[in-house]
Protein backbone atom coordinates (compact mmCIF):
# COMPACT_ATOMS: atom_id res chain seq x y z
CA MET A 1 -71.82 3.83 -83.06
CA THR A 2 -68.38 3.32 -81.33
CA ILE A 3 -66.53 5.45 -83.59
CA ILE A 4 -69.15 8.26 -83.10
CA TYR A 5 -68.84 7.84 -79.44
CA ALA A 6 -65.04 7.98 -79.28
CA ILE A 7 -65.04 11.07 -81.73
CA LEU A 8 -67.71 12.78 -79.60
CA ILE A 9 -65.82 12.02 -76.32
CA PHE A 10 -62.45 13.04 -77.93
CA CYS A 11 -63.63 16.30 -78.97
CA LEU A 12 -65.65 16.86 -75.99
CA LEU A 13 -62.68 16.68 -73.56
CA ILE A 14 -60.32 18.49 -75.91
CA PHE A 15 -62.71 21.27 -76.35
CA VAL A 16 -63.49 21.62 -72.46
CA HIS A 17 -59.53 21.69 -71.77
CA GLU A 18 -58.81 24.18 -74.59
CA PHE A 19 -61.80 26.14 -73.72
CA GLY A 20 -60.56 26.59 -70.08
CA HIS A 21 -57.18 28.05 -71.54
CA PHE A 22 -59.21 30.13 -73.96
CA ILE A 23 -61.55 31.87 -71.46
CA ALA A 24 -58.78 32.46 -68.88
CA ALA A 25 -56.57 33.99 -71.39
CA LYS A 26 -59.34 36.35 -72.55
CA ALA A 27 -60.12 37.17 -69.01
CA CYS A 28 -56.52 38.02 -68.23
CA GLY A 29 -56.26 40.28 -71.38
CA VAL A 30 -54.02 37.69 -73.09
CA LYS A 31 -54.11 38.01 -77.18
CA VAL A 32 -55.36 34.58 -78.73
CA ASN A 33 -54.22 34.04 -82.23
CA GLU A 34 -56.17 30.79 -82.88
CA PHE A 35 -58.51 28.58 -80.97
CA ALA A 36 -58.55 25.09 -82.79
CA ILE A 37 -60.42 21.64 -82.24
CA GLY A 38 -58.50 18.68 -83.83
CA MET A 39 -55.03 18.62 -85.45
CA GLY A 40 -53.71 18.50 -88.97
CA PRO A 41 -55.13 20.65 -91.93
CA ALA A 42 -58.20 22.79 -91.04
CA PHE A 43 -61.36 22.21 -92.80
CA PHE A 44 -63.16 25.05 -91.14
CA LYS A 45 -61.93 28.53 -90.46
CA LYS A 46 -63.67 31.79 -89.10
CA GLN A 47 -61.96 34.89 -88.20
CA LYS A 48 -63.75 36.79 -85.35
CA GLY A 49 -61.84 39.88 -84.15
CA GLU A 50 -58.22 39.04 -83.33
CA THR A 51 -58.81 35.26 -82.92
CA GLN A 52 -59.11 32.59 -85.56
CA TYR A 53 -61.45 29.73 -84.88
CA SER A 54 -60.83 26.44 -86.70
CA LEU A 55 -61.82 22.84 -86.86
CA ARG A 56 -59.15 20.40 -88.09
CA ILE A 57 -59.58 16.95 -89.74
CA PHE A 58 -58.16 14.84 -86.87
CA PRO A 59 -60.36 14.77 -83.75
CA ILE A 60 -57.30 13.96 -81.61
CA GLY A 61 -55.70 17.05 -79.91
CA GLY A 62 -56.35 20.80 -80.17
CA PHE A 63 -54.78 24.09 -79.09
CA CYS A 64 -55.38 27.52 -77.85
CA ALA A 65 -52.60 29.51 -79.48
CA MET A 66 -51.69 32.52 -77.60
CA GLU A 67 -49.26 35.53 -78.53
CA GLY A 68 -45.93 34.91 -76.87
CA GLU A 69 -46.69 31.60 -75.53
CA ASP A 70 -43.48 29.86 -77.04
CA GLU A 71 -41.66 32.61 -78.00
CA ASP A 72 -40.58 36.14 -77.18
CA SER A 73 -43.08 38.93 -77.95
CA GLU A 74 -42.92 42.66 -77.67
CA ASP A 75 -46.83 42.73 -77.61
CA GLU A 76 -48.01 43.95 -74.38
CA ARG A 77 -51.01 41.66 -74.46
CA ALA A 78 -48.43 38.60 -75.19
CA PHE A 79 -48.55 35.75 -72.76
CA ASN A 80 -45.14 36.08 -71.95
CA ASN A 81 -45.38 39.70 -70.86
CA LYS A 82 -48.36 38.86 -68.23
CA PRO A 83 -47.63 38.68 -64.52
CA ALA A 84 -46.61 35.21 -63.31
CA TRP A 85 -50.06 34.90 -61.51
CA GLN A 86 -52.11 35.62 -64.63
CA ARG A 87 -49.93 32.99 -66.55
CA ALA A 88 -50.58 30.47 -64.03
CA CYS A 89 -54.17 30.96 -64.01
CA VAL A 90 -54.29 30.49 -67.85
CA LEU A 91 -52.13 27.41 -67.64
CA ALA A 92 -54.14 25.82 -64.81
CA ALA A 93 -57.65 26.64 -66.47
CA GLY A 94 -57.26 23.66 -68.84
CA PRO A 95 -56.74 20.66 -66.29
CA PHE A 96 -59.27 22.63 -63.91
CA MET A 97 -61.95 22.58 -66.51
CA ASN A 98 -61.29 18.60 -67.22
CA LEU A 99 -61.54 18.21 -63.45
CA LEU A 100 -65.05 20.11 -63.21
CA THR A 101 -66.12 18.18 -66.13
CA ALA A 102 -65.44 14.97 -64.70
CA MET A 103 -66.91 16.06 -61.20
CA LEU A 104 -70.09 16.93 -63.15
CA LEU A 105 -70.43 13.69 -65.01
CA LEU A 106 -69.80 11.79 -61.89
CA VAL A 107 -72.64 13.85 -60.04
CA VAL A 108 -75.01 12.85 -63.13
CA ILE A 109 -74.24 9.36 -62.77
CA ALA A 110 -74.57 9.50 -58.98
CA THR A 111 -77.95 11.37 -59.32
CA TRP A 112 -79.17 8.91 -62.12
CA ALA A 113 -78.21 5.86 -60.19
CA GLY A 114 -79.60 7.04 -56.82
CA GLN A 115 -78.80 6.44 -53.32
CA PRO A 116 -79.72 3.17 -51.50
CA THR A 117 -82.05 3.81 -48.58
CA THR A 118 -82.66 1.39 -45.67
CA THR A 119 -86.20 0.45 -47.12
CA ILE A 120 -86.16 -3.01 -48.86
CA ASN A 121 -87.53 -2.82 -52.33
CA LYS A 122 -87.17 -6.58 -53.39
CA VAL A 123 -86.99 -9.82 -51.29
CA ILE A 124 -85.51 -12.51 -53.30
CA ASP A 125 -87.76 -15.96 -53.64
CA GLY A 126 -86.53 -18.64 -51.60
CA SER A 127 -83.71 -16.44 -49.98
CA PRO A 128 -83.30 -16.37 -46.09
CA ALA A 129 -85.05 -13.12 -45.90
CA TYR A 130 -88.05 -14.50 -47.89
CA GLU A 131 -88.24 -17.62 -45.43
CA ALA A 132 -88.03 -15.31 -42.45
CA GLY A 133 -90.92 -13.10 -43.49
CA LEU A 134 -89.21 -9.76 -44.58
CA GLN A 135 -91.18 -7.92 -46.94
CA LYS A 136 -91.25 -5.24 -49.60
CA GLY A 137 -91.45 -1.72 -47.91
CA ASP A 138 -89.88 -2.86 -44.53
CA GLU A 139 -87.72 -0.02 -43.22
CA ILE A 140 -84.61 -1.52 -41.37
CA LEU A 141 -83.77 0.18 -38.04
CA GLY A 142 -81.23 -1.91 -36.80
CA ILE A 143 -79.69 -5.60 -36.94
CA ASP A 144 -78.39 -7.48 -33.93
CA GLY A 145 -78.98 -4.27 -31.80
CA LYS A 146 -76.76 -2.13 -34.21
CA LYS A 147 -78.23 0.72 -35.58
CA ILE A 148 -78.69 1.06 -39.47
CA ASP A 149 -78.47 4.42 -40.78
CA GLU A 150 -77.65 3.56 -44.45
CA TRP A 151 -77.57 0.44 -46.75
CA ASN A 152 -73.69 -0.10 -46.38
CA ASP A 153 -74.18 -0.38 -42.56
CA LEU A 154 -76.40 -3.48 -43.55
CA LEU A 155 -73.97 -5.01 -45.82
CA THR A 156 -71.33 -4.67 -43.34
CA VAL A 157 -73.27 -6.02 -40.29
CA VAL A 158 -74.71 -8.98 -42.40
CA GLY A 159 -71.67 -9.68 -44.47
CA GLN A 160 -69.29 -9.82 -41.46
CA THR A 161 -71.50 -11.49 -38.88
CA LYS A 162 -70.12 -14.80 -37.39
CA ASN A 163 -73.53 -15.98 -36.39
CA ASP A 164 -75.67 -18.32 -38.43
CA THR A 165 -78.86 -15.79 -37.83
CA VAL A 166 -79.19 -12.14 -37.51
CA SER A 167 -82.07 -10.15 -35.93
CA PHE A 168 -83.80 -7.44 -38.04
CA GLU A 169 -85.52 -4.62 -36.12
CA LEU A 170 -88.02 -3.12 -38.55
CA ASP A 171 -90.69 -0.55 -39.22
CA ARG A 172 -93.51 -2.11 -40.94
CA ASP A 173 -96.33 0.52 -41.70
CA GLY A 174 -95.71 2.26 -38.52
CA LYS A 175 -95.28 -0.89 -36.59
CA LYS A 176 -91.97 -1.76 -34.86
CA MET A 177 -91.11 -5.52 -35.05
CA THR A 178 -88.24 -7.82 -34.87
CA ILE A 179 -87.55 -10.67 -37.26
CA GLN A 180 -85.02 -13.49 -37.09
CA SER A 181 -83.45 -14.46 -40.36
CA ARG A 182 -80.67 -16.89 -41.01
CA VAL A 183 -77.70 -15.86 -43.56
CA GLU A 184 -75.96 -17.74 -46.29
CA TYR A 185 -72.49 -17.48 -47.63
CA ASP A 186 -72.17 -16.02 -51.25
CA GLU A 187 -68.99 -17.74 -52.72
CA GLN A 188 -68.85 -15.14 -55.53
CA ALA A 189 -68.94 -11.94 -53.20
CA GLN A 190 -67.29 -13.78 -50.43
CA ARG A 191 -69.62 -12.42 -47.93
CA ASN A 192 -72.84 -13.33 -45.97
CA LYS A 193 -76.18 -12.33 -47.55
CA VAL A 194 -79.82 -12.62 -46.72
CA GLY A 195 -81.38 -11.81 -50.12
CA VAL A 196 -82.78 -8.49 -50.04
CA SER A 197 -82.34 -5.22 -52.23
CA PRO A 198 -82.90 -1.49 -51.28
CA VAL A 199 -85.28 1.30 -52.46
CA PHE A 200 -83.20 3.89 -54.14
CA LYS A 201 -84.08 7.73 -53.94
CA HIS A 202 -82.83 10.13 -56.71
CA SER A 203 -81.65 13.41 -54.81
CA LEU A 204 -79.59 16.04 -56.62
CA ALA A 205 -78.12 17.08 -53.29
CA GLU A 206 -76.80 13.62 -52.50
CA GLY A 207 -75.79 13.19 -55.90
CA THR A 208 -73.68 16.11 -56.09
CA VAL A 209 -72.04 14.93 -52.60
CA ASN A 210 -71.48 11.44 -53.87
CA GLY A 211 -70.19 12.60 -57.27
CA VAL A 212 -67.55 15.01 -55.49
CA LYS A 213 -66.54 12.22 -53.18
CA ASN A 214 -66.22 9.80 -56.09
CA THR A 215 -63.92 12.30 -57.96
CA GLY A 216 -61.88 12.33 -54.84
CA LYS A 217 -61.64 8.50 -54.72
CA MET A 218 -60.83 8.48 -58.44
CA THR A 219 -58.05 10.86 -58.14
CA VAL A 220 -56.54 8.97 -55.20
CA MET A 221 -56.71 5.86 -57.44
CA MET A 222 -54.90 7.66 -60.55
CA TYR A 223 -52.19 8.80 -58.37
CA ASP A 224 -51.59 5.42 -56.99
CA ILE A 225 -51.41 4.08 -60.52
CA LEU A 226 -48.96 6.70 -61.56
CA LYS A 227 -46.90 5.78 -58.24
CA LYS A 228 -46.81 2.14 -59.38
CA LEU A 229 -45.74 3.17 -62.90
CA VAL A 230 -42.71 5.00 -61.44
CA THR A 231 -41.92 2.14 -58.91
CA GLY A 232 -42.30 -0.58 -61.84
CA GLU A 233 -45.31 -2.18 -60.00
CA VAL A 234 -47.31 -1.57 -63.21
CA SER A 235 -45.87 -2.09 -66.42
CA VAL A 236 -45.81 0.85 -69.09
CA LYS A 237 -47.22 -1.74 -71.54
CA GLU A 238 -50.45 -1.52 -69.53
CA LEU A 239 -50.89 2.09 -70.84
CA SER A 240 -53.24 2.84 -73.65
CA GLY A 241 -53.51 5.41 -76.34
CA PRO A 242 -56.43 6.18 -78.90
CA VAL A 243 -56.90 2.57 -80.08
CA GLY A 244 -57.17 1.38 -76.49
CA ILE A 245 -59.52 4.31 -75.72
CA VAL A 246 -61.71 3.33 -78.84
CA TYR A 247 -62.00 -0.33 -77.71
CA ALA A 248 -62.90 0.77 -74.08
CA VAL A 249 -65.54 2.93 -75.62
CA ASN A 250 -66.96 0.13 -77.60
CA ASP A 251 -67.19 -2.11 -74.43
CA SER A 252 -68.80 0.79 -72.47
CA ALA A 253 -71.24 1.35 -75.27
CA LYS A 254 -72.29 -2.09 -75.18
CA ALA A 255 -73.03 -2.01 -71.36
CA GLY A 256 -75.18 1.18 -71.80
CA VAL A 257 -74.95 5.01 -72.12
CA ILE A 258 -74.37 5.38 -68.42
CA TYR A 259 -71.22 3.56 -68.63
CA VAL A 260 -69.96 5.75 -71.64
CA ILE A 261 -70.45 8.82 -69.24
CA TYR A 262 -68.25 7.10 -66.76
CA LEU A 263 -65.69 6.44 -69.04
CA SER A 264 -65.83 10.10 -70.07
CA ALA A 265 -65.47 11.09 -66.56
CA LEU A 266 -62.54 8.90 -66.19
CA LEU A 267 -60.74 10.20 -69.25
CA SER A 268 -61.43 13.82 -68.43
CA LEU A 269 -59.85 13.27 -65.02
CA ASN A 270 -56.95 11.33 -66.51
CA LEU A 271 -56.52 14.20 -68.84
CA ALA A 272 -56.74 16.64 -65.87
CA ILE A 273 -54.11 14.87 -63.73
CA MET A 274 -51.65 14.09 -66.60
CA ASN A 275 -51.39 17.73 -67.75
CA LEU A 276 -50.58 18.87 -64.32
CA LEU A 277 -47.64 16.67 -64.15
CA PRO A 278 -44.25 18.58 -63.97
CA LEU A 279 -43.09 17.54 -67.45
CA PRO A 280 -42.07 19.68 -70.33
CA ALA A 281 -44.79 20.63 -72.78
CA LEU A 282 -47.47 19.85 -70.25
CA ASP A 283 -49.31 22.56 -68.36
CA GLY A 284 -47.76 21.25 -65.01
CA GLY A 285 -44.32 21.64 -66.90
CA ARG A 286 -45.07 25.31 -67.79
CA LEU A 287 -46.08 26.00 -64.17
CA LEU A 288 -42.89 24.53 -63.04
CA PHE A 289 -41.09 27.01 -65.37
CA LEU A 290 -43.06 29.63 -63.96
CA VAL A 291 -41.70 28.85 -60.47
CA ILE A 292 -38.05 28.37 -61.81
CA ARG A 293 -38.19 31.69 -63.76
CA LYS A 294 -39.44 33.39 -60.64
CA PHE A 295 -35.91 32.41 -59.03
CA THR A 296 -33.77 32.60 -62.15
CA GLY A 297 -35.10 35.89 -63.73
CA LYS A 298 -33.72 36.57 -67.15
CA ARG A 299 -31.03 34.01 -67.15
CA MET A 300 -34.02 31.59 -68.37
CA THR A 301 -35.40 33.17 -71.65
CA ASP A 302 -38.63 32.26 -73.41
CA GLU A 303 -36.64 30.93 -76.23
CA MET A 304 -35.01 28.54 -74.02
CA GLU A 305 -38.00 27.39 -72.29
CA GLY A 306 -39.68 27.09 -75.85
CA LYS A 307 -36.87 24.61 -76.71
CA VAL A 308 -37.38 22.55 -73.78
CA HIS A 309 -41.03 22.28 -74.18
CA PHE A 310 -40.61 21.17 -77.96
CA VAL A 311 -38.11 18.41 -76.85
CA GLY A 312 -41.03 17.40 -74.18
CA ILE A 313 -43.48 17.44 -77.32
CA MET A 314 -41.29 15.20 -79.29
CA LEU A 315 -40.89 12.85 -76.29
CA LEU A 316 -44.62 12.78 -75.83
CA LEU A 317 -45.28 12.02 -79.61
CA LEU A 318 -42.74 9.09 -78.92
CA LEU A 319 -44.76 7.87 -76.00
CA MET A 320 -48.00 8.06 -78.11
CA VAL A 321 -46.42 6.04 -80.95
CA TYR A 322 -45.18 3.57 -78.36
CA VAL A 323 -48.75 3.14 -76.51
CA THR A 324 -50.56 3.05 -80.00
CA TRP A 325 -48.24 0.23 -80.98
CA ASN A 326 -49.06 -1.48 -77.88
CA ASP A 327 -52.76 -1.06 -78.40
CA ILE A 328 -52.46 -2.55 -81.80
CA VAL A 329 -50.63 -5.51 -80.69
CA ARG A 330 -53.16 -5.99 -77.87
CA PHE A 331 -56.30 -5.29 -79.52
CA VAL A 332 -56.11 -5.60 -83.32
CA VAL A 333 -53.60 -8.36 -84.08
CA PRO A 334 -55.41 -11.10 -82.05
CA ILE A 335 -58.35 -10.23 -84.43
CA PHE A 336 -56.31 -11.48 -87.48
CA SER A 337 -54.58 -14.27 -85.70
């Protein structure tokens, strides 16, 4: 199942990325010679119109081969002959689709998990809340005179209180009441607690809002990691390739399908961000060359740009070999030690 999950995730994220380039190219009138999922020899080919569609034996990678993408072409529908804004749209469409996919998956997760309300769902036996008389169904209105609008407010007030007790203002079956409860310190969580858990509501609207927010938080986190890679705070040895991803999929699958979905969102967002980096062969590098050529004109030819991107591809392949070797040393070798 791990291998199946890994292949499905790889194929999904690659398909989404390349499909973004494909639909943008078609929308801009760019001639697409081939749309392929996977790398290596093709085991399935189908010609439809001007485009050949193919599936290849290695489910890592894929491409949308456009006329005039890496070379000069006289075809008026070639990528190199399209206006700069259209080429930019085609290049940005791949990472955008991965970003959109990550966001949709995080919306699914947020909606499925639900949003905690301020109503108590469970009171742990023997806990301070249980001893104080709090009950399932109680709606928490305030604590120590502070209004509670969401469950995180409760966690903050109880978790940070300096007192031995807190005063709950409740609504129980339409009746307002106040209950005093002691607090106890949770060594593992390193905060105070009383022993209650919330009722969760499942709302697509709130799930969408939280999914979008979580996408933003995850993006900031990834850029922070990239910054630390550049400054040396995080070692390149911490990077993972396909082998490491398979092990991550295995761990996620053991935890449950929702964790596999979360990992897929993480990988999709990672693919979007990495592809937008201004490095040769990546979409971000190609976008950078659009800007450079806007100022240099014909002094930078398609052939020259193609050579730079070729060098970039070789360097990326070397990086892939390096991270794959790191993964083997980190995950595979210990198994046989």
